[in-house]
Amino acid sequence: MKKSSQTIADRAQGSTWNLWSLLDPERWAKPVLVQKHGWFIGYLSVLMLIYIAYIHQCEHRVRQISKIEKHNQELRSQYLFLKTELVRLGQLEKVVQRATVMGFKEMRVPPLAIGHADSKKESGTVNSNNTIHSTNSVNSTKAGNSGKPQQP
C-alpha cells in the first residue's frame, strides 16, 4: 500500500499539469480507449453533426422570417397608401369633377328602384330626352305624405 501512495506522491511532484499535457494525442488516442469507447465517440460525432445542421437550418429560417416580415411591412404600407388614395378619389366632389369631365351631369332627381313588385303600379313616363318622369312614392314623401303613394 505504501508503494501506491509513493507513486501518487511521485507523480504529483514530477508531473506538470498544463493544457498541452491534457491535449496530448498520445495520451487520449490509445488503441484500448478507441476500441472501448469508439461507438460512444461515433455517437457523439453524429449528434454534433445533427446539432450543427439544426443550427444552420434555424439561422436560415430566421433570415427567411425577417425577409417575409419586411415584405409584409412593404405590402402593408402599399395597402394603406392605396386605401387613402381610394378614399380621396371616392369623395363626392372628386367623383362629380371626374364625371363632368367625361360628359355626365349630376342628377337632380333621386334614382328609381327597378325590379320591385310595386314598379308596375309606379311606372313613369319617358319623354323625348329619355328622361323618366316618375309618380312613385319617393316624390310623394318629399311632398310630406309620410311614404304613402298619392291617389290619382
C-alpha atoms as a PDB file:
ATOM      1  CA  MET A   1       0.000   0.000   0.000  1.00  0.00           C
ATOM      2  CA  LYS A   2       2.876   2.332   0.641  1.00  0.00           C
ATOM      3  CA  LYS A   3       4.123   1.706  -2.831  1.00  0.00           C
ATOM      4  CA  SER A   4       0.939   3.033  -4.428  1.00  0.00           C
ATOM      5  CA  SER A   5       0.910   6.127  -2.208  1.00  0.00           C
ATOM      6  CA  GLN A   6       4.528   6.824  -3.064  1.00  0.00           C
ATOM      7  CA  THR A   7       3.851   6.597  -6.743  1.00  0.00           C
ATOM      8  CA  ILE A   8       0.982   9.041  -6.456  1.00  0.00           C
ATOM      9  CA  ALA A   9       3.190  11.422  -4.495  1.00  0.00           C
ATOM     10  CA  ASP A  10       5.983  11.000  -7.009  1.00  0.00           C
ATOM     11  CA  ARG A  11       3.597  11.681  -9.846  1.00  0.00           C
ATOM     12  CA  ALA A  12       2.252  14.790  -8.159  1.00  0.00           C
ATOM     13  CA  GLN A  13       5.755  16.170  -7.613  1.00  0.00           C
ATOM     14  CA  GLY A  14       7.194  15.310 -11.002  1.00  0.00           C
ATOM     15  CA  SER A  15       4.257  15.958 -13.352  1.00  0.00           C
ATOM     16  CA  THR A  16       3.233  19.259 -14.759  1.00  0.00           C
ATOM     17  CA  TRP A  17      -0.490  19.788 -15.268  1.00  0.00           C
ATOM     18  CA  ASN A  18      -0.878  22.194 -18.136  1.00  0.00           C
ATOM     19  CA  LEU A  19      -3.111  22.398 -21.147  1.00  0.00           C
ATOM     20  CA  TRP A  20      -0.644  20.780 -23.515  1.00  0.00           C
ATOM     21  CA  SER A  21      -0.374  17.684 -21.392  1.00  0.00           C
ATOM     22  CA  LEU A  22      -4.167  17.356 -21.346  1.00  0.00           C
ATOM     23  CA  LEU A  23      -4.439  17.759 -25.116  1.00  0.00           C
ATOM     24  CA  ASP A  24      -1.606  15.403 -25.916  1.00  0.00           C
ATOM     25  CA  PRO A  25      -2.902  12.986 -28.600  1.00  0.00           C
ATOM     26  CA  GLU A  26      -0.681  10.149 -27.355  1.00  0.00           C
ATOM     27  CA  ARG A  27      -2.483  10.307 -24.033  1.00  0.00           C
ATOM     28  CA  TRP A  28      -6.013  10.042 -25.496  1.00  0.00           C
ATOM     29  CA  ALA A  29      -5.533   8.098 -28.753  1.00  0.00           C
ATOM     30  CA  LYS A  30      -4.590   4.794 -27.225  1.00  0.00           C
ATOM     31  CA  PRO A  31      -5.953   1.779 -29.112  1.00  0.00           C
ATOM     32  CA  VAL A  32      -7.565   0.454 -25.947  1.00  0.00           C
ATOM     33  CA  LEU A  33      -9.590   3.666 -25.432  1.00  0.00           C
ATOM     34  CA  VAL A  34     -10.651   3.800 -29.075  1.00  0.00           C
ATOM     35  CA  GLN A  35     -11.736   0.163 -29.016  1.00  0.00           C
ATOM     36  CA  LYS A  36     -13.515   0.537 -25.720  1.00  0.00           C
ATOM     37  CA  HIS A  37     -15.276   3.870 -26.382  1.00  0.00           C
ATOM     38  CA  GLY A  38     -15.360   4.011 -30.197  1.00  0.00           C
ATOM     39  CA  TRP A  39     -19.129   3.650 -30.519  1.00  0.00           C
ATOM     40  CA  PHE A  40     -19.735   6.378 -27.988  1.00  0.00           C
ATOM     41  CA  ILE A  41     -17.312   8.728 -29.776  1.00  0.00           C
ATOM     42  CA  GLY A  42     -19.089   7.978 -33.082  1.00  0.00           C
ATOM     43  CA  TYR A  43     -22.474   8.619 -31.422  1.00  0.00           C
ATOM     44  CA  LEU A  44     -21.287  11.977 -30.081  1.00  0.00           C
ATOM     45  CA  SER A  45     -19.877  12.882 -33.513  1.00  0.00           C
ATOM     46  CA  VAL A  46     -23.221  12.140 -35.194  1.00  0.00           C
ATOM     47  CA  LEU A  47     -25.071  14.167 -32.558  1.00  0.00           C
ATOM     48  CA  MET A  48     -22.671  17.055 -33.109  1.00  0.00           C
ATOM     49  CA  LEU A  49     -23.268  16.968 -36.887  1.00  0.00           C
ATOM     50  CA  ILE A  50     -27.040  16.895 -36.361  1.00  0.00           C
ATOM     51  CA  TYR A  51     -26.772  19.840 -33.969  1.00  0.00           C
ATOM     52  CA  ILE A  52     -24.704  21.861 -36.471  1.00  0.00           C
ATOM     53  CA  ALA A  53     -27.236  21.131 -39.243  1.00  0.00           C
ATOM     54  CA  TYR A  54     -30.069  22.183 -36.929  1.00  0.00           C
ATOM     55  CA  ILE A  55     -28.332  25.479 -36.107  1.00  0.00           C
ATOM     56  CA  HIS A  56     -27.819  26.227 -39.812  1.00  0.00           C
ATOM     57  CA  GLN A  57     -31.474  25.442 -40.524  1.00  0.00           C
ATOM     58  CA  CYS A  58     -32.622  27.724 -37.680  1.00  0.00           C
ATOM     59  CA  GLU A  59     -30.471  30.591 -38.927  1.00  0.00           C
ATOM     60  CA  HIS A  60     -31.865  30.107 -42.440  1.00  0.00           C
ATOM     61  CA  ARG A  61     -35.417  30.227 -41.088  1.00  0.00           C
ATOM     62  CA  VAL A  62     -34.696  33.373 -39.062  1.00  0.00           C
ATOM     63  CA  ARG A  63     -33.350  35.077 -42.193  1.00  0.00           C
ATOM     64  CA  GLN A  64     -36.394  33.897 -44.148  1.00  0.00           C
ATOM     65  CA  ILE A  65     -38.800  35.170 -41.467  1.00  0.00           C
ATOM     66  CA  SER A  66     -37.159  38.603 -41.385  1.00  0.00           C
ATOM     67  CA  LYS A  67     -37.336  38.753 -45.196  1.00  0.00           C
ATOM     68  CA  ILE A  68     -41.060  37.884 -45.099  1.00  0.00           C
ATOM     69  CA  GLU A  69     -41.669  40.478 -42.348  1.00  0.00           C
ATOM     70  CA  LYS A  70     -40.004  43.181 -44.458  1.00  0.00           C
ATOM     71  CA  HIS A  71     -42.124  42.169 -47.456  1.00  0.00           C
ATOM     72  CA  ASN A  72     -45.249  42.153 -45.270  1.00  0.00           C
ATOM     73  CA  GLN A  73     -44.429  45.634 -43.980  1.00  0.00           C
ATOM     74  CA  GLU A  74     -43.968  46.869 -47.554  1.00  0.00           C
ATOM     75  CA  LEU A  75     -47.325  45.393 -48.579  1.00  0.00           C
ATOM     76  CA  ARG A  76     -48.999  46.948 -45.533  1.00  0.00           C
ATOM     77  CA  SER A  77     -47.655  50.390 -46.412  1.00  0.00           C
ATOM     78  CA  GLN A  78     -48.813  49.961 -50.027  1.00  0.00           C
ATOM     79  CA  TYR A  79     -52.250  48.921 -48.756  1.00  0.00           C
ATOM     80  CA  LEU A  80     -52.554  51.991 -46.535  1.00  0.00           C
ATOM     81  CA  PHE A  81     -51.401  54.274 -49.362  1.00  0.00           C
ATOM     82  CA  LEU A  82     -53.913  52.790 -51.819  1.00  0.00           C
ATOM     83  CA  LYS A  83     -56.697  52.891 -49.228  1.00  0.00           C
ATOM     84  CA  THR A  84     -56.171  56.592 -48.530  1.00  0.00           C
ATOM     85  CA  GLU A  85     -55.906  57.263 -52.262  1.00  0.00           C
ATOM     86  CA  LEU A  86     -59.208  55.426 -52.828  1.00  0.00           C
ATOM     87  CA  VAL A  87     -60.901  57.384 -50.048  1.00  0.00           C
ATOM     88  CA  ARG A  88     -59.575  60.625 -51.504  1.00  0.00           C
ATOM     89  CA  LEU A  89     -60.740  59.750 -55.020  1.00  0.00           C
ATOM     90  CA  GLY A  90     -64.075  58.479 -53.751  1.00  0.00           C
ATOM     91  CA  GLN A  91     -65.163  61.762 -52.234  1.00  0.00           C
ATOM     92  CA  LEU A  92     -68.296  63.156 -53.872  1.00  0.00           C
ATOM     93  CA  GLU A  93     -66.632  66.327 -55.109  1.00  0.00           C
ATOM     94  CA  LYS A  94     -63.881  64.375 -56.868  1.00  0.00           C
ATOM     95  CA  VAL A  95     -66.387  61.969 -58.394  1.00  0.00           C
ATOM     96  CA  VAL A  96     -68.521  64.829 -59.684  1.00  0.00           C
ATOM     97  CA  GLN A  97     -65.454  66.559 -61.150  1.00  0.00           C
ATOM     98  CA  ARG A  98     -64.350  63.415 -62.978  1.00  0.00           C
ATOM     99  CA  ALA A  99     -67.894  62.717 -64.195  1.00  0.00           C
ATOM    100  CA  THR A 100     -68.301  66.241 -65.626  1.00  0.00           C
ATOM    101  CA  VAL A 101     -65.021  65.815 -67.483  1.00  0.00           C
ATOM    102  CA  MET A 102     -66.432  62.663 -69.073  1.00  0.00           C
ATOM    103  CA  GLY A 103     -69.646  64.471 -70.052  1.00  0.00           C
ATOM    104  CA  PHE A 104     -72.017  63.340 -67.313  1.00  0.00           C
ATOM    105  CA  LYS A 105     -74.207  65.683 -65.319  1.00  0.00           C
ATOM    106  CA  GLU A 106     -75.216  65.447 -61.692  1.00  0.00           C
ATOM    107  CA  MET A 107     -78.741  64.073 -61.166  1.00  0.00           C
ATOM    108  CA  ARG A 108     -81.275  66.415 -59.657  1.00  0.00           C
ATOM    109  CA  VAL A 109     -83.954  63.709 -59.201  1.00  0.00           C
ATOM    110  CA  PRO A 110     -83.303  60.661 -56.997  1.00  0.00           C
ATOM    111  CA  PRO A 111     -82.867  57.368 -58.870  1.00  0.00           C
ATOM    112  CA  LEU A 112     -85.748  54.938 -59.398  1.00  0.00           C
ATOM    113  CA  ALA A 113     -85.845  51.450 -57.957  1.00  0.00           C
ATOM    114  CA  ILE A 114     -86.105  48.894 -60.759  1.00  0.00           C
ATOM    115  CA  GLY A 115     -87.393  45.369 -60.304  1.00  0.00           C
ATOM    116  CA  HIS A 116     -89.604  45.801 -57.235  1.00  0.00           C
ATOM    117  CA  ALA A 117     -93.100  44.328 -57.081  1.00  0.00           C
ATOM    118  CA  ASP A 118     -94.589  47.834 -56.893  1.00  0.00           C
ATOM    119  CA  SER A 119     -92.745  49.016 -60.012  1.00  0.00           C
ATOM    120  CA  LYS A 120     -95.771  48.239 -62.281  1.00  0.00           C
ATOM    121  CA  LYS A 121     -98.019  50.426 -60.173  1.00  0.00           C
ATOM    122  CA  GLU A 122     -95.469  53.225 -60.026  1.00  0.00           C
ATOM    123  CA  SER A 123     -94.390  53.285 -63.647  1.00  0.00           C
ATOM    124  CA  GLY A 124     -93.304  56.625 -65.031  1.00  0.00           C
ATOM    125  CA  THR A 125     -93.410  58.206 -68.455  1.00  0.00           C
ATOM    126  CA  VAL A 126     -90.470  58.736 -70.768  1.00  0.00           C
ATOM    127  CA  ASN A 127     -90.231  61.965 -72.763  1.00  0.00           C
ATOM    128  CA  SER A 128     -88.194  62.663 -75.907  1.00  0.00           C
ATOM    129  CA  ASN A 129     -84.950  63.354 -73.922  1.00  0.00           C
ATOM    130  CA  ASN A 130     -85.007  59.789 -72.478  1.00  0.00           C
ATOM    131  CA  THR A 131     -85.699  61.263 -69.052  1.00  0.00           C
ATOM    132  CA  ILE A 132     -88.101  59.344 -66.824  1.00  0.00           C
ATOM    133  CA  HIS A 133     -90.776  61.303 -65.009  1.00  0.00           C
ATOM    134  CA  SER A 134     -91.982  59.196 -62.140  1.00  0.00           C
ATOM    135  CA  THR A 135     -95.053  59.271 -59.973  1.00  0.00           C
ATOM    136  CA  ASN A 136     -93.676  56.874 -57.356  1.00  0.00           C
ATOM    137  CA  SER A 137     -93.667  57.129 -53.591  1.00  0.00           C
ATOM    138  CA  VAL A 138     -90.270  58.877 -53.461  1.00  0.00           C
ATOM    139  CA  ASN A 139     -91.815  62.023 -54.928  1.00  0.00           C
ATOM    140  CA  SER A 140     -94.765  61.745 -52.560  1.00  0.00           C
ATOM    141  CA  THR A 141     -92.500  61.578 -49.500  1.00  0.00           C
ATOM    142  CA  LYS A 142     -90.968  64.879 -50.493  1.00  0.00           C
ATOM    143  CA  ALA A 143     -94.447  66.332 -50.530  1.00  0.00           C
ATOM    144  CA  GLY A 144     -94.886  65.243 -46.912  1.00  0.00           C
ATOM    145  CA  ASN A 145     -97.257  62.272 -47.237  1.00  0.00           C
ATOM    146  CA  SER A 146     -95.119  60.045 -44.976  1.00  0.00           C
ATOM    147  CA  GLY A 147     -94.297  57.493 -47.666  1.00  0.00           C
ATOM    148  CA  LYS A 148     -97.868  56.740 -48.852  1.00  0.00           C
ATOM    149  CA  PRO A 149     -98.420  56.927 -52.615  1.00  0.00           C
ATOM    150  CA  GLN A 150    -100.658  59.675 -53.870  1.00  0.00           C
ATOM    151  CA  GLN A 151    -104.156  58.781 -55.026  1.00  0.00           C
ATOM    152  CA  PRO A 152    -104.968  59.860 -58.626  1.00  0.00           C
END
